[in-house]
Amino acid sequence: MRGAAFVLAALAVAGCKDQSMRQQNRYDVYAPAALWPDGTAARPLPESVVARGDLARAQEASHPPVADAELLHRGQERYRIFCSPCHGAAGFGDGMIVARGFPAPPSYHTGRLRSAPAQHFFDVITNGYGVMYSYAARVPPRDRWAIIAYIRALQLSQRAQLASIPEAREKLP
């Protein structure tokens, strides 16, 4: 008798429904729902709702960080990953993509781009320009500013005069 009661209890417990959150009443996305006056389960966002992290991201985009060695190093790293395939290692627009027949991007060393404000580069990275597509989803705002700082360093490096750095003469072979 005891054995039969044990087996019966085990079967009763095994037959219990899973009560976790996976087993709850819910609406599928875009399913009809009689509960709401418009008849759909998809609810519009309340007025003035901002996605989590968007305000911080907008703040980063509007305020460039201070250019220091760490930012330049990060910019060099990100530039090599995202920009050098088209723009080339030194920014002359001679990357490997161009060697394979794609249109050449402008050189960063033209007068127009040397005098362009940093915001121009930020906007181009964010929105794309010409055949360049947007990198907004791939490169966060802080990294965009780092890339711009590195581009400015590239521009300065190509116009450096040996006379302006007297200690460099001693280090040349």
N, C-alpha and C. Protein backbone atom coordinates (compact mmCIF):
# COMPACT_ATOMS: atom_id res chain seq x y z
N MET A 1 0.80 -1.18 0.00
CA MET A 1 0.00 0.00 0.00
C MET A 1 0.86 1.27 0.00
N ARG A 2 1.92 1.23 0.79
CA ARG A 2 2.82 2.38 0.84
C ARG A 2 3.46 2.65 -0.52
N GLY A 3 3.89 1.63 -1.20
CA GLY A 3 4.52 1.77 -2.50
C GLY A 3 3.57 2.38 -3.51
N ALA A 4 2.32 1.97 -3.48
CA ALA A 4 1.32 2.51 -4.40
C ALA A 4 1.08 3.98 -4.11
N ALA A 5 1.06 4.36 -2.83
CA ALA A 5 0.85 5.76 -2.46
C ALA A 5 2.04 6.62 -2.92
N PHE A 6 3.24 6.06 -2.78
CA PHE A 6 4.43 6.79 -3.22
C PHE A 6 4.41 7.02 -4.72
N VAL A 7 4.08 5.98 -5.49
CA VAL A 7 4.01 6.10 -6.95
C VAL A 7 2.92 7.09 -7.34
N LEU A 8 1.78 7.04 -6.67
CA LEU A 8 0.69 7.95 -6.98
C LEU A 8 1.08 9.40 -6.67
N ALA A 9 1.79 9.62 -5.56
CA ALA A 9 2.25 10.97 -5.21
C ALA A 9 3.29 11.47 -6.21
N ALA A 10 4.20 10.60 -6.64
CA ALA A 10 5.21 10.99 -7.63
C ALA A 10 4.56 11.36 -8.95
N LEU A 11 3.54 10.62 -9.36
CA LEU A 11 2.83 10.95 -10.60
C LEU A 11 2.08 12.27 -10.47
N ALA A 12 1.52 12.53 -9.30
CA ALA A 12 0.78 13.78 -9.10
C ALA A 12 1.73 14.98 -9.16
N VAL A 13 2.91 14.84 -8.53
CA VAL A 13 3.88 15.94 -8.54
C VAL A 13 4.42 16.14 -9.95
N ALA A 14 4.67 15.07 -10.67
CA ALA A 14 5.21 15.18 -12.03
C ALA A 14 4.19 15.82 -12.96
N GLY A 15 2.93 15.71 -12.65
CA GLY A 15 1.90 16.27 -13.51
C GLY A 15 1.63 17.74 -13.25
N CYS A 16 2.26 18.32 -12.23
CA CYS A 16 2.04 19.74 -11.93
C CYS A 16 2.58 20.60 -13.06
N LYS A 17 1.88 21.64 -13.32
CA LYS A 17 2.27 22.55 -14.38
C LYS A 17 3.45 23.42 -13.92
N ASP A 18 4.33 23.73 -14.85
CA ASP A 18 5.46 24.62 -14.56
C ASP A 18 4.90 26.00 -14.23
N GLN A 19 5.21 26.51 -13.04
CA GLN A 19 4.67 27.80 -12.60
C GLN A 19 5.67 28.94 -12.74
N SER A 20 6.70 28.72 -13.55
CA SER A 20 7.70 29.78 -13.72
C SER A 20 7.15 30.87 -14.64
N MET A 21 7.93 31.92 -14.83
CA MET A 21 7.49 33.04 -15.66
C MET A 21 7.40 32.66 -17.13
N ARG A 22 7.99 31.54 -17.49
CA ARG A 22 7.87 31.12 -18.89
C ARG A 22 6.46 30.67 -19.20
N GLN A 23 5.71 30.30 -18.18
CA GLN A 23 4.35 29.81 -18.36
C GLN A 23 3.37 30.83 -17.81
N GLN A 24 3.22 31.95 -18.47
CA GLN A 24 2.27 32.94 -18.02
C GLN A 24 1.46 33.45 -19.21
N ASN A 25 0.34 34.03 -18.88
CA ASN A 25 -0.49 34.60 -19.93
C ASN A 25 0.19 35.85 -20.46
N ARG A 26 0.29 35.96 -21.76
CA ARG A 26 0.92 37.12 -22.37
C ARG A 26 0.43 37.23 -23.80
N TYR A 27 0.67 38.40 -24.37
CA TYR A 27 0.36 38.63 -25.77
C TYR A 27 1.63 38.53 -26.59
N ASP A 28 1.55 37.94 -27.77
CA ASP A 28 2.67 37.97 -28.70
C ASP A 28 2.76 39.36 -29.31
N VAL A 29 3.94 39.70 -29.83
CA VAL A 29 4.13 41.01 -30.44
C VAL A 29 3.16 41.16 -31.61
N TYR A 30 2.50 42.28 -31.67
CA TYR A 30 1.54 42.64 -32.73
C TYR A 30 0.31 41.72 -32.77
N ALA A 31 0.06 40.99 -31.70
CA ALA A 31 -1.12 40.13 -31.64
C ALA A 31 -2.35 40.99 -31.34
N PRO A 32 -3.51 40.57 -31.79
CA PRO A 32 -4.72 41.31 -31.44
C PRO A 32 -5.00 41.18 -29.95
N ALA A 33 -5.51 42.25 -29.33
CA ALA A 33 -5.80 42.24 -27.91
C ALA A 33 -7.09 43.01 -27.65
N ALA A 34 -8.09 42.30 -27.19
CA ALA A 34 -9.38 42.92 -26.92
C ALA A 34 -9.32 43.84 -25.70
N LEU A 35 -8.28 43.71 -24.90
CA LEU A 35 -8.14 44.51 -23.69
C LEU A 35 -8.00 46.01 -23.99
N TRP A 36 -7.36 46.35 -25.10
CA TRP A 36 -7.08 47.75 -25.43
C TRP A 36 -8.08 48.27 -26.45
N PRO A 37 -8.41 49.55 -26.39
CA PRO A 37 -9.41 50.11 -27.32
C PRO A 37 -9.01 50.02 -28.79
N ASP A 38 -7.68 50.09 -29.08
CA ASP A 38 -7.27 50.01 -30.48
C ASP A 38 -7.14 48.57 -30.98
N GLY A 39 -7.35 47.60 -30.09
CA GLY A 39 -7.38 46.20 -30.48
C GLY A 39 -6.03 45.55 -30.74
N THR A 40 -4.92 46.19 -30.38
CA THR A 40 -3.60 45.61 -30.62
C THR A 40 -2.81 45.54 -29.32
N ALA A 41 -1.95 44.56 -29.21
CA ALA A 41 -1.13 44.39 -28.02
C ALA A 41 0.08 45.32 -28.02
N ALA A 42 0.49 45.82 -29.17
CA ALA A 42 1.64 46.72 -29.26
C ALA A 42 1.21 48.09 -28.74
N ARG A 43 1.86 48.54 -27.68
CA ARG A 43 1.49 49.80 -27.06
C ARG A 43 2.45 50.90 -27.47
N PRO A 44 1.95 52.09 -27.74
CA PRO A 44 2.85 53.21 -28.06
C PRO A 44 3.60 53.64 -26.80
N LEU A 45 4.80 54.19 -27.01
CA LEU A 45 5.58 54.67 -25.87
C LEU A 45 4.93 55.91 -25.27
N PRO A 46 4.99 56.05 -23.96
CA PRO A 46 4.45 57.27 -23.35
C PRO A 46 5.22 58.50 -23.83
N GLU A 47 4.57 59.64 -23.78
CA GLU A 47 5.19 60.88 -24.23
C GLU A 47 6.42 61.20 -23.38
N SER A 48 7.47 61.73 -24.00
CA SER A 48 8.73 62.14 -23.35
C SER A 48 9.60 60.99 -22.89
N VAL A 49 9.36 59.79 -23.37
CA VAL A 49 10.20 58.65 -23.00
C VAL A 49 11.49 58.70 -23.82
N VAL A 50 12.61 58.46 -23.16
CA VAL A 50 13.90 58.42 -23.82
C VAL A 50 14.51 57.05 -23.53
N ALA A 51 15.03 56.42 -24.55
CA ALA A 51 15.64 55.10 -24.36
C ALA A 51 16.81 55.20 -23.40
N ARG A 52 17.01 54.17 -22.62
CA ARG A 52 18.10 54.14 -21.64
C ARG A 52 19.44 54.29 -22.35
N GLY A 53 20.26 55.23 -21.88
CA GLY A 53 21.57 55.46 -22.45
C GLY A 53 21.62 56.50 -23.54
N ASP A 54 20.48 56.89 -24.10
CA ASP A 54 20.48 57.87 -25.19
C ASP A 54 20.94 59.25 -24.75
N LEU A 55 20.57 59.66 -23.55
CA LEU A 55 20.97 60.99 -23.08
C LEU A 55 22.47 61.05 -22.87
N ALA A 56 23.04 59.99 -22.30
CA ALA A 56 24.50 59.96 -22.09
C ALA A 56 25.22 59.94 -23.43
N ARG A 57 24.69 59.19 -24.38
CA ARG A 57 25.30 59.12 -25.71
C ARG A 57 25.24 60.47 -26.41
N ALA A 58 24.12 61.17 -26.27
CA ALA A 58 23.98 62.50 -26.87
C ALA A 58 24.96 63.48 -26.21
N GLN A 59 25.15 63.34 -24.89
CA GLN A 59 26.09 64.20 -24.19
C GLN A 59 27.51 63.96 -24.70
N GLU A 60 27.89 62.68 -24.90
CA GLU A 60 29.22 62.36 -25.44
C GLU A 60 29.40 62.93 -26.84
N ALA A 61 28.34 62.88 -27.63
CA ALA A 61 28.44 63.35 -29.01
C ALA A 61 28.61 64.86 -29.08
N SER A 62 28.06 65.59 -28.12
CA SER A 62 28.11 67.05 -28.21
C SER A 62 29.32 67.66 -27.52
N HIS A 63 30.05 66.89 -26.73
CA HIS A 63 31.20 67.43 -26.01
C HIS A 63 32.44 66.58 -26.28
N PRO A 64 33.34 67.07 -27.13
CA PRO A 64 34.56 66.29 -27.39
C PRO A 64 35.43 66.19 -26.13
N PRO A 65 36.04 65.03 -25.92
CA PRO A 65 36.92 64.87 -24.76
C PRO A 65 38.24 65.62 -24.96
N VAL A 66 38.97 65.76 -23.88
CA VAL A 66 40.28 66.41 -23.94
C VAL A 66 41.24 65.46 -24.65
N ALA A 67 41.98 66.01 -25.60
CA ALA A 67 42.94 65.19 -26.36
C ALA A 67 44.17 64.94 -25.50
N ASP A 68 44.38 63.68 -25.15
CA ASP A 68 45.57 63.30 -24.40
C ASP A 68 46.15 62.05 -25.06
N ALA A 69 47.23 61.54 -24.50
CA ALA A 69 47.92 60.39 -25.11
C ALA A 69 47.01 59.16 -25.18
N GLU A 70 46.21 58.96 -24.15
CA GLU A 70 45.31 57.81 -24.14
C GLU A 70 44.26 57.90 -25.25
N LEU A 71 43.70 59.10 -25.43
CA LEU A 71 42.71 59.30 -26.48
C LEU A 71 43.33 59.11 -27.86
N LEU A 72 44.54 59.63 -28.06
CA LEU A 72 45.22 59.46 -29.36
C LEU A 72 45.54 57.99 -29.63
N HIS A 73 45.93 57.26 -28.60
CA HIS A 73 46.21 55.83 -28.78
C HIS A 73 44.93 55.09 -29.17
N ARG A 74 43.82 55.40 -28.49
CA ARG A 74 42.54 54.79 -28.83
C ARG A 74 42.13 55.18 -30.24
N GLY A 75 42.34 56.45 -30.60
CA GLY A 75 42.01 56.91 -31.95
C GLY A 75 42.81 56.20 -33.02
N GLN A 76 44.10 55.98 -32.75
CA GLN A 76 44.94 55.26 -33.70
C GLN A 76 44.43 53.83 -33.88
N GLU A 77 44.09 53.20 -32.79
CA GLU A 77 43.57 51.82 -32.84
C GLU A 77 42.27 51.76 -33.64
N ARG A 78 41.32 52.64 -33.34
CA ARG A 78 40.04 52.66 -34.04
C ARG A 78 40.21 53.08 -35.50
N TYR A 79 41.13 54.01 -35.77
CA TYR A 79 41.39 54.44 -37.15
C TYR A 79 41.90 53.26 -37.98
N ARG A 80 42.82 52.50 -37.42
CA ARG A 80 43.35 51.34 -38.16
C ARG A 80 42.26 50.32 -38.46
N ILE A 81 41.33 50.15 -37.55
CA ILE A 81 40.25 49.18 -37.75
C ILE A 81 39.22 49.67 -38.76
N PHE A 82 38.72 50.88 -38.57
CA PHE A 82 37.57 51.35 -39.34
C PHE A 82 37.92 52.22 -40.54
N CYS A 83 39.01 52.98 -40.48
CA CYS A 83 39.27 54.01 -41.49
C CYS A 83 40.36 53.65 -42.49
N SER A 84 41.42 52.99 -42.02
CA SER A 84 42.57 52.76 -42.90
C SER A 84 42.26 51.89 -44.12
N PRO A 85 41.28 50.97 -44.10
CA PRO A 85 41.02 50.22 -45.33
C PRO A 85 40.71 51.12 -46.53
N CYS A 86 40.08 52.26 -46.29
CA CYS A 86 39.78 53.19 -47.39
C CYS A 86 40.74 54.37 -47.41
N HIS A 87 40.97 54.98 -46.25
CA HIS A 87 41.74 56.22 -46.19
C HIS A 87 43.24 56.00 -46.15
N GLY A 88 43.69 54.77 -45.94
CA GLY A 88 45.12 54.48 -45.89
C GLY A 88 45.70 54.77 -44.52
N ALA A 89 46.87 54.22 -44.25
CA ALA A 89 47.50 54.35 -42.94
C ALA A 89 47.86 55.79 -42.60
N ALA A 90 48.23 56.59 -43.59
CA ALA A 90 48.63 57.97 -43.34
C ALA A 90 47.54 58.98 -43.71
N GLY A 91 46.40 58.50 -44.19
CA GLY A 91 45.29 59.40 -44.48
C GLY A 91 45.30 60.03 -45.85
N PHE A 92 46.02 59.45 -46.81
CA PHE A 92 46.08 60.01 -48.15
C PHE A 92 44.99 59.47 -49.09
N GLY A 93 44.10 58.61 -48.58
CA GLY A 93 43.04 58.06 -49.41
C GLY A 93 43.52 56.95 -50.32
N ASP A 94 44.54 56.23 -49.88
CA ASP A 94 45.14 55.18 -50.72
C ASP A 94 45.07 53.81 -50.03
N GLY A 95 43.97 53.51 -49.39
CA GLY A 95 43.82 52.25 -48.68
C GLY A 95 43.68 51.07 -49.62
N MET A 96 43.64 49.88 -49.04
CA MET A 96 43.58 48.65 -49.85
C MET A 96 42.27 48.55 -50.63
N ILE A 97 41.21 49.14 -50.16
CA ILE A 97 39.94 49.12 -50.89
C ILE A 97 40.07 49.87 -52.21
N VAL A 98 40.81 50.97 -52.17
CA VAL A 98 41.04 51.76 -53.38
C VAL A 98 41.87 50.96 -54.38
N ALA A 99 42.84 50.22 -53.87
CA ALA A 99 43.67 49.39 -54.74
C ALA A 99 42.86 48.30 -55.42
N ARG A 100 41.69 47.99 -54.89
CA ARG A 100 40.83 46.95 -55.47
C ARG A 100 39.71 47.53 -56.33
N GLY A 101 39.81 48.83 -56.65
CA GLY A 101 38.89 49.41 -57.61
C GLY A 101 37.79 50.30 -57.06
N PHE A 102 37.70 50.45 -55.77
CA PHE A 102 36.67 51.33 -55.22
C PHE A 102 37.10 52.78 -55.34
N PRO A 103 36.16 53.71 -55.31
CA PRO A 103 36.51 55.13 -55.43
C PRO A 103 37.39 55.57 -54.26
N ALA A 104 38.35 56.43 -54.56
CA ALA A 104 39.27 56.91 -53.53
C ALA A 104 38.60 58.01 -52.71
N PRO A 105 38.69 57.92 -51.38
CA PRO A 105 38.19 59.01 -50.55
C PRO A 105 39.16 60.19 -50.61
N PRO A 106 38.75 61.36 -50.21
CA PRO A 106 39.67 62.50 -50.25
C PRO A 106 40.79 62.33 -49.23
N SER A 107 41.92 62.91 -49.54
CA SER A 107 43.05 62.89 -48.61
C SER A 107 42.75 63.84 -47.46
N TYR A 108 43.14 63.44 -46.26
CA TYR A 108 42.98 64.32 -45.10
C TYR A 108 43.95 65.49 -45.16
N HIS A 109 44.88 65.46 -46.08
CA HIS A 109 45.94 66.46 -46.14
C HIS A 109 45.66 67.57 -47.15
N THR A 110 44.44 67.61 -47.69
CA THR A 110 44.07 68.73 -48.55
C THR A 110 43.75 69.93 -47.68
N GLY A 111 43.86 71.09 -48.26
CA GLY A 111 43.58 72.32 -47.52
C GLY A 111 42.17 72.36 -46.97
N ARG A 112 41.23 71.86 -47.74
CA ARG A 112 39.82 71.87 -47.31
C ARG A 112 39.63 71.06 -46.04
N LEU A 113 40.20 69.86 -45.97
CA LEU A 113 40.01 69.03 -44.79
C LEU A 113 40.92 69.42 -43.63
N ARG A 114 42.05 70.06 -43.92
CA ARG A 114 42.88 70.58 -42.82
C ARG A 114 42.16 71.69 -42.07
N SER A 115 41.42 72.50 -42.82
CA SER A 115 40.73 73.63 -42.20
C SER A 115 39.31 73.28 -41.75
N ALA A 116 38.84 72.08 -42.04
CA ALA A 116 37.48 71.68 -41.64
C ALA A 116 37.41 71.54 -40.12
N PRO A 117 36.31 71.97 -39.53
CA PRO A 117 36.16 71.81 -38.08
C PRO A 117 36.02 70.33 -37.71
N ALA A 118 36.33 70.02 -36.47
CA ALA A 118 36.23 68.64 -35.99
C ALA A 118 34.80 68.13 -36.12
N GLN A 119 33.82 69.01 -35.97
CA GLN A 119 32.42 68.59 -36.08
C GLN A 119 32.11 68.04 -37.47
N HIS A 120 32.78 68.54 -38.50
CA HIS A 120 32.59 68.01 -39.86
C HIS A 120 32.96 66.53 -39.90
N PHE A 121 34.10 66.18 -39.34
CA PHE A 121 34.53 64.78 -39.32
C PHE A 121 33.56 63.94 -38.49
N PHE A 122 33.11 64.48 -37.37
CA PHE A 122 32.16 63.76 -36.52
C PHE A 122 30.87 63.48 -37.29
N ASP A 123 30.38 64.48 -38.01
CA ASP A 123 29.15 64.31 -38.79
C ASP A 123 29.32 63.29 -39.91
N VAL A 124 30.48 63.30 -40.56
CA VAL A 124 30.73 62.34 -41.65
C VAL A 124 30.80 60.92 -41.10
N ILE A 125 31.48 60.73 -39.98
CA ILE A 125 31.56 59.39 -39.38
C ILE A 125 30.16 58.95 -38.95
N THR A 126 29.39 59.86 -38.41
CA THR A 126 28.05 59.53 -37.91
C THR A 126 27.06 59.25 -39.02
N ASN A 127 27.03 60.10 -40.05
CA ASN A 127 25.99 60.02 -41.08
C ASN A 127 26.45 59.46 -42.41
N GLY A 128 27.76 59.34 -42.60
CA GLY A 128 28.28 58.94 -43.90
C GLY A 128 28.35 60.14 -44.83
N TYR A 129 29.03 59.95 -45.96
CA TYR A 129 29.17 61.03 -46.93
C TYR A 129 29.61 60.40 -48.25
N GLY A 130 28.95 60.76 -49.33
CA GLY A 130 29.30 60.16 -50.63
C GLY A 130 29.08 58.65 -50.59
N VAL A 131 30.11 57.88 -50.92
CA VAL A 131 29.98 56.42 -50.89
C VAL A 131 30.29 55.83 -49.51
N MET A 132 30.72 56.67 -48.59
CA MET A 132 30.99 56.20 -47.23
C MET A 132 29.67 56.08 -46.48
N TYR A 133 29.41 54.91 -45.90
CA TYR A 133 28.18 54.73 -45.15
C TYR A 133 28.38 55.16 -43.70
N SER A 134 27.29 55.25 -42.99
CA SER A 134 27.29 55.70 -41.61
C SER A 134 27.99 54.68 -40.70
N TYR A 135 28.80 55.19 -39.80
CA TYR A 135 29.44 54.35 -38.78
C TYR A 135 28.83 54.59 -37.40
N ALA A 136 27.66 55.23 -37.33
CA ALA A 136 27.04 55.55 -36.05
C ALA A 136 26.76 54.31 -35.22
N ALA A 137 26.37 53.23 -35.86
CA ALA A 137 26.07 52.00 -35.13
C ALA A 137 27.33 51.20 -34.78
N ARG A 138 28.44 51.49 -35.44
CA ARG A 138 29.67 50.71 -35.24
C ARG A 138 30.67 51.40 -34.32
N VAL A 139 30.66 52.73 -34.34
CA VAL A 139 31.66 53.50 -33.60
C VAL A 139 30.95 54.41 -32.60
N PRO A 140 31.13 54.17 -31.30
CA PRO A 140 30.49 55.05 -30.31
C PRO A 140 31.03 56.47 -30.36
N PRO A 141 30.29 57.45 -29.85
CA PRO A 141 30.73 58.85 -29.95
C PRO A 141 32.13 59.11 -29.41
N ARG A 142 32.48 58.54 -28.28
CA ARG A 142 33.82 58.79 -27.72
C ARG A 142 34.90 58.29 -28.67
N ASP A 143 34.68 57.15 -29.32
CA ASP A 143 35.65 56.64 -30.28
C ASP A 143 35.70 57.50 -31.54
N ARG A 144 34.56 58.09 -31.92
CA ARG A 144 34.57 59.01 -33.07
C ARG A 144 35.47 60.20 -32.77
N TRP A 145 35.36 60.75 -31.56
CA TRP A 145 36.22 61.87 -31.17
C TRP A 145 37.68 61.43 -31.13
N ALA A 146 37.93 60.20 -30.69
CA ALA A 146 39.31 59.70 -30.65
C ALA A 146 39.88 59.59 -32.06
N ILE A 147 39.08 59.10 -32.99
CA ILE A 147 39.51 59.00 -34.39
C ILE A 147 39.81 60.39 -34.95
N ILE A 148 38.97 61.36 -34.63
CA ILE A 148 39.18 62.72 -35.12
C ILE A 148 40.48 63.28 -34.57
N ALA A 149 40.76 63.03 -33.29
CA ALA A 149 42.03 63.49 -32.70
C ALA A 149 43.21 62.86 -33.43
N TYR A 150 43.08 61.59 -33.78
CA TYR A 150 44.17 60.91 -34.50
C TYR A 150 44.31 61.47 -35.92
N ILE A 151 43.20 61.77 -36.57
CA ILE A 151 43.26 62.38 -37.91
C ILE A 151 43.99 63.72 -37.83
N ARG A 152 43.70 64.51 -36.81
CA ARG A 152 44.40 65.78 -36.63
C ARG A 152 45.90 65.55 -36.42
N ALA A 153 46.25 64.50 -35.68
CA ALA A 153 47.67 64.17 -35.49
C ALA A 153 48.32 63.78 -36.82
N LEU A 154 47.59 63.02 -37.64
CA LEU A 154 48.10 62.67 -38.97
C LEU A 154 48.32 63.92 -39.82
N GLN A 155 47.36 64.83 -39.77
CA GLN A 155 47.50 66.06 -40.54
C GLN A 155 48.70 66.87 -40.09
N LEU A 156 48.91 66.96 -38.79
CA LEU A 156 50.07 67.69 -38.27
C LEU A 156 51.37 67.00 -38.64
N SER A 157 51.38 65.68 -38.62
CA SER A 157 52.61 64.94 -38.89
C SER A 157 53.09 65.14 -40.32
N GLN A 158 52.19 65.37 -41.25
CA GLN A 158 52.58 65.51 -42.65
C GLN A 158 53.05 66.92 -42.98
N ARG A 159 52.82 67.85 -42.09
CA ARG A 159 53.23 69.24 -42.33
C ARG A 159 54.32 69.68 -41.36
N ALA A 160 54.86 68.75 -40.60
CA ALA A 160 55.89 69.11 -39.61
C ALA A 160 57.18 69.54 -40.32
N GLN A 161 57.82 70.54 -39.78
CA GLN A 161 59.09 71.04 -40.30
C GLN A 161 60.20 70.63 -39.33
N LEU A 162 61.30 70.15 -39.83
CA LEU A 162 62.41 69.75 -38.97
C LEU A 162 62.92 70.93 -38.17
N ALA A 163 62.85 72.12 -38.73
CA ALA A 163 63.33 73.32 -38.02
C ALA A 163 62.50 73.61 -36.78
N SER A 164 61.24 73.19 -36.78
CA SER A 164 60.39 73.46 -35.62
C SER A 164 60.65 72.50 -34.46
N ILE A 165 61.43 71.45 -34.70
CA ILE A 165 61.76 70.47 -33.66
C ILE A 165 63.27 70.29 -33.63
N PRO A 166 64.01 71.20 -33.01
CA PRO A 166 65.47 71.13 -33.05
C PRO A 166 66.05 69.86 -32.43
N GLU A 167 65.40 69.34 -31.39
CA GLU A 167 65.95 68.13 -30.76
C GLU A 167 65.82 66.89 -31.65
N ALA A 168 64.98 66.94 -32.69
CA ALA A 168 64.81 65.81 -33.58
C ALA A 168 66.04 65.59 -34.46
N ARG A 169 66.79 66.64 -34.73
CA ARG A 169 67.98 66.51 -35.58
C ARG A 169 69.01 65.57 -34.96
N GLU A 170 69.13 65.61 -33.64
CA GLU A 170 70.10 64.75 -32.95
C GLU A 170 69.68 63.29 -33.00
N LYS A 171 68.37 63.02 -33.13
CA LYS A 171 67.88 61.65 -33.11
C LYS A 171 67.82 61.01 -34.49
N LEU A 172 68.01 61.80 -35.55
CA LEU A 172 68.02 61.26 -36.91
C LEU A 172 69.37 60.60 -37.17
N PRO A 173 69.39 59.49 -37.91
CA PRO A 173 70.66 58.82 -38.22
C PRO A 173 71.52 59.62 -39.17
